Amino acid sequence: MSNKVLVFGASSQIGVHLKELLRAAGGTAVAVTRAGADERADVVDAAAVEAVFAKHPDAAAVVSLVGGRPFRKDPVPADLEGNRNLIEAARRHGVRRFVLITTIGAGDSHDAAPAIARMVLGRFMKLKTQAEELLRNSGLDWTIIRPGHLKDGPATGRAILATDPTTKGAVQRADVAALIAQVLERRDAIGATYTCVEPAAK
């Protein structure tokens, strides 16, 4: 069985760390970005997404890190339409494993997001909520991970995946990547929605 993972939105630091981790473990990580890393595709372009999947028929999983940014004026934010294209392409090509990275504030974690985050990112949280629902109803082997406030720095190894949607906190991008890599190998994570944070020190 192939261990090739298509990582969309791989220009993010989470994506960079994830690619390194998967390759260090002996897997094949294909980084897909708008500017072109291993593959080039704008995920809101369904034909471009289709071309990536067609080029990698041995892909075993998809990780989606795609999303809009509050101060960048994208005509069509990728949070919903981009993820819709990825989900539909995965179904067409039989790539059953799909890990979607959204954010605290999406879905039933809305109240766990800080008020300032809901004010600045509320539009994107709504789109990510819809993307989560599309994935849940897709028939794919899905996992959803909602990181808290993202920080740069070395992995601490203390980050957790919590199933309580009221969980809140911050997390290093490197730790999020490490937990994504673990989830890809976990059958028990299929059908689960997690919040990803580093617990506060006691």
Protein backbone atom coordinates (compact mmCIF):
# COMPACT_ATOMS: atom_id res chain seq x y z
CA MET A 1 0.00 0.00 0.00
CA SER A 2 1.24 3.48 -0.83
CA ASN A 3 2.29 5.80 1.97
CA LYS A 4 2.14 8.90 -0.22
CA VAL A 5 0.42 11.90 1.37
CA LEU A 6 -0.76 14.92 -0.62
CA VAL A 7 -0.28 17.99 1.59
CA PHE A 8 -2.29 20.94 0.31
CA GLY A 9 -1.45 24.37 1.70
CA ALA A 10 2.05 23.11 2.40
CA SER A 11 3.63 26.57 2.31
CA SER A 12 2.50 27.11 5.91
CA GLN A 13 5.00 26.33 8.64
CA ILE A 14 2.81 23.43 9.74
CA GLY A 15 3.07 22.10 6.20
CA VAL A 16 6.84 22.54 6.09
CA HIS A 17 7.27 20.66 9.38
CA LEU A 18 4.82 17.94 8.33
CA LYS A 19 6.60 17.32 5.05
CA GLU A 20 9.90 16.90 6.89
CA LEU A 21 8.39 14.54 9.46
CA LEU A 22 6.68 12.32 6.89
CA ARG A 23 9.81 12.05 4.78
CA ALA A 24 12.00 11.37 7.81
CA ALA A 25 9.67 8.48 8.66
CA GLY A 26 10.19 6.99 5.21
CA GLY A 27 6.97 8.23 3.66
CA THR A 28 6.35 10.31 0.57
CA ALA A 29 4.96 13.79 1.17
CA VAL A 30 3.91 15.79 -1.88
CA ALA A 31 3.72 19.48 -1.01
CA VAL A 32 1.08 21.31 -3.04
CA THR A 33 1.00 25.12 -3.00
CA ARG A 34 -0.21 27.97 -5.17
CA ALA A 35 3.36 29.03 -5.89
CA GLY A 36 4.53 25.51 -6.56
CA ALA A 37 6.55 23.34 -4.19
CA ASP A 38 6.47 19.73 -5.35
CA GLU A 39 3.20 20.46 -7.16
CA ARG A 40 1.46 23.71 -8.04
CA ALA A 41 -2.28 24.19 -7.69
CA ASP A 42 -4.70 26.83 -6.53
CA VAL A 43 -7.25 24.75 -4.65
CA VAL A 44 -10.17 26.94 -5.67
CA ASP A 45 -9.43 25.83 -9.25
CA ALA A 46 -11.13 22.45 -9.50
CA ALA A 47 -9.26 21.53 -12.68
CA ALA A 48 -5.89 22.23 -11.06
CA VAL A 49 -6.82 20.06 -8.08
CA GLU A 50 -7.98 17.29 -10.41
CA ALA A 51 -4.63 17.41 -12.23
CA VAL A 52 -2.70 16.87 -8.99
CA PHE A 53 -4.78 13.84 -8.01
CA ALA A 54 -4.54 12.40 -11.52
CA LYS A 55 -0.74 12.74 -11.41
CA HIS A 56 -0.56 10.83 -8.11
CA PRO A 57 -2.88 7.81 -8.43
CA ASP A 58 -0.94 6.06 -5.66
CA ALA A 59 -1.76 8.71 -3.05
CA ALA A 60 -3.03 7.18 0.19
CA ALA A 61 -4.06 10.29 2.11
CA VAL A 62 -4.76 14.00 1.90
CA VAL A 63 -3.93 16.65 4.46
CA SER A 64 -5.60 20.02 3.93
CA LEU A 65 -4.02 23.08 5.53
CA VAL A 66 -5.63 25.50 3.10
CA GLY A 67 -7.39 28.63 4.23
CA GLY A 68 -7.76 32.34 3.73
CA ARG A 69 -5.97 35.11 5.57
CA PRO A 70 -7.86 38.04 7.07
CA PHE A 71 -5.85 40.78 5.40
CA ARG A 72 -5.37 39.15 2.01
CA LYS A 73 -8.13 39.82 -0.49
CA ASP A 74 -8.69 36.48 -2.15
CA PRO A 75 -11.67 36.60 -4.55
CA VAL A 76 -12.71 33.16 -3.28
CA PRO A 77 -11.32 32.12 0.12
CA ALA A 78 -10.05 28.56 0.02
CA ASP A 79 -11.56 27.62 3.38
CA LEU A 80 -14.77 26.29 1.86
CA GLU A 81 -14.48 26.12 -1.92
CA GLY A 82 -10.89 24.90 -1.89
CA ASN A 83 -11.69 22.18 0.60
CA ARG A 84 -14.81 21.27 -1.35
CA ASN A 85 -12.63 20.68 -4.41
CA LEU A 86 -10.19 18.57 -2.42
CA ILE A 87 -12.93 16.45 -0.85
CA GLU A 88 -14.65 15.84 -4.17
CA ALA A 89 -11.37 14.97 -5.91
CA ALA A 90 -10.40 12.59 -3.10
CA ARG A 91 -13.73 10.80 -3.49
CA ARG A 92 -13.38 10.55 -7.26
CA HIS A 93 -9.86 9.15 -7.01
CA GLY A 94 -10.51 6.79 -4.14
CA VAL A 95 -8.18 8.52 -1.67
CA ARG A 96 -10.12 7.69 1.45
CA ARG A 97 -7.96 9.11 4.24
CA PHE A 98 -8.48 12.86 4.67
CA VAL A 99 -7.20 15.05 7.52
CA LEU A 100 -8.58 18.58 7.62
CA ILE A 101 -6.95 21.30 9.70
CA THR A 102 -9.32 24.11 10.69
CA THR A 103 -9.23 26.21 13.87
CA ILE A 104 -10.64 26.63 17.34
CA GLY A 105 -13.75 28.69 16.67
CA ALA A 106 -15.12 26.42 13.97
CA GLY A 107 -18.27 24.42 14.59
CA ASP A 108 -19.08 23.59 18.19
CA SER A 109 -15.79 25.15 19.35
CA HIS A 110 -17.04 28.65 18.51
CA ASP A 111 -17.13 29.88 22.09
CA ALA A 112 -13.65 28.53 22.84
CA ALA A 113 -12.08 31.09 20.49
CA PRO A 114 -11.04 34.43 22.03
CA ALA A 115 -13.41 37.31 21.27
CA ILE A 116 -10.75 39.12 19.22
CA ALA A 117 -10.22 36.00 17.10
CA ARG A 118 -13.96 35.68 16.48
CA MET A 119 -14.07 39.33 15.43
CA VAL A 120 -11.10 39.16 13.04
CA LEU A 121 -11.52 35.60 11.79
CA GLY A 122 -15.26 35.08 12.14
CA ARG A 123 -15.83 34.95 8.39
CA PHE A 124 -13.23 32.23 7.99
CA MET A 125 -14.51 30.30 10.99
CA LYS A 126 -17.92 30.09 9.34
CA LEU A 127 -16.39 28.84 6.09
CA LYS A 128 -14.28 26.28 7.95
CA THR A 129 -17.40 25.12 9.79
CA GLN A 130 -19.06 24.42 6.45
CA ALA A 131 -15.96 22.62 5.19
CA GLU A 132 -15.98 20.42 8.28
CA GLU A 133 -19.58 19.45 7.57
CA LEU A 134 -18.78 18.64 3.95
CA LEU A 135 -16.03 16.32 5.09
CA ARG A 136 -18.16 14.64 7.75
CA ASN A 137 -20.78 13.87 5.12
CA SER A 138 -18.30 12.79 2.44
CA GLY A 139 -18.04 9.10 3.26
CA LEU A 140 -14.25 9.46 3.52
CA ASP A 141 -12.11 8.30 6.45
CA TRP A 142 -11.84 11.75 7.93
CA THR A 143 -10.23 13.42 10.91
CA ILE A 144 -10.60 17.11 11.80
CA ILE A 145 -7.99 18.94 13.88
CA ARG A 146 -8.65 22.42 15.27
CA PRO A 147 -5.43 24.04 16.50
CA GLY A 148 -5.48 26.85 19.01
CA HIS A 149 -3.47 30.05 18.72
CA LEU A 150 -0.45 29.12 16.60
CA LYS A 151 3.07 29.90 17.76
CA ASP A 152 6.48 29.58 16.11
CA GLY A 153 9.28 27.74 17.83
CA PRO A 154 10.60 24.25 18.40
CA ALA A 155 8.23 21.43 19.20
CA THR A 156 7.62 20.93 22.92
CA GLY A 157 6.15 17.46 22.69
CA ARG A 158 3.47 18.51 25.16
CA ALA A 159 0.64 19.28 22.74
CA ILE A 160 -2.49 17.17 22.97
CA LEU A 161 -5.53 16.28 20.89
CA ALA A 162 -8.64 16.89 22.99
CA THR A 163 -12.19 15.86 22.10
CA ASP A 164 -13.81 18.49 24.34
CA PRO A 165 -14.81 21.40 22.02
CA THR A 166 -14.55 23.88 24.91
CA THR A 167 -10.79 23.27 25.15
CA LYS A 168 -8.76 26.41 24.46
CA GLY A 169 -5.13 27.46 24.36
CA ALA A 170 -2.09 27.90 22.13
CA VAL A 171 0.20 25.45 20.38
CA GLN A 172 3.47 25.40 18.46
CA ARG A 173 3.12 24.84 14.73
CA ALA A 174 5.79 22.13 14.94
CA ASP A 175 3.71 20.25 17.51
CA VAL A 176 0.61 20.45 15.31
CA ALA A 177 2.61 18.90 12.47
CA ALA A 178 3.81 16.08 14.72
CA LEU A 179 0.27 15.27 15.81
CA ILE A 180 -1.00 15.30 12.21
CA ALA A 181 1.70 12.79 11.30
CA GLN A 182 0.58 10.56 14.18
CA VAL A 183 -3.11 10.84 13.30
CA LEU A 184 -2.46 9.68 9.75
CA GLU A 185 -1.38 6.32 11.21
CA ARG A 186 -4.22 6.00 13.73
CA ARG A 187 -7.34 4.10 12.77
CA ASP A 188 -8.99 5.20 16.02
CA ALA A 189 -8.76 8.84 14.88
CA ILE A 190 -11.08 8.25 11.93
CA GLY A 191 -14.35 10.08 12.48
CA ALA A 192 -12.92 12.21 15.30
CA THR A 193 -12.81 15.98 15.72
CA TYR A 194 -9.97 17.20 17.90
CA THR A 195 -8.84 20.45 19.45
CA CYS A 196 -5.05 20.78 19.40
CA VAL A 197 -3.42 22.80 22.20
CA GLU A 198 -0.60 22.68 24.68
CA PRO A 199 -2.11 22.39 28.15
CA ALA A 200 -1.35 25.29 30.45
CA ALA A 201 1.37 24.59 33.00
CA LYS A 202 0.04 23.85 36.48
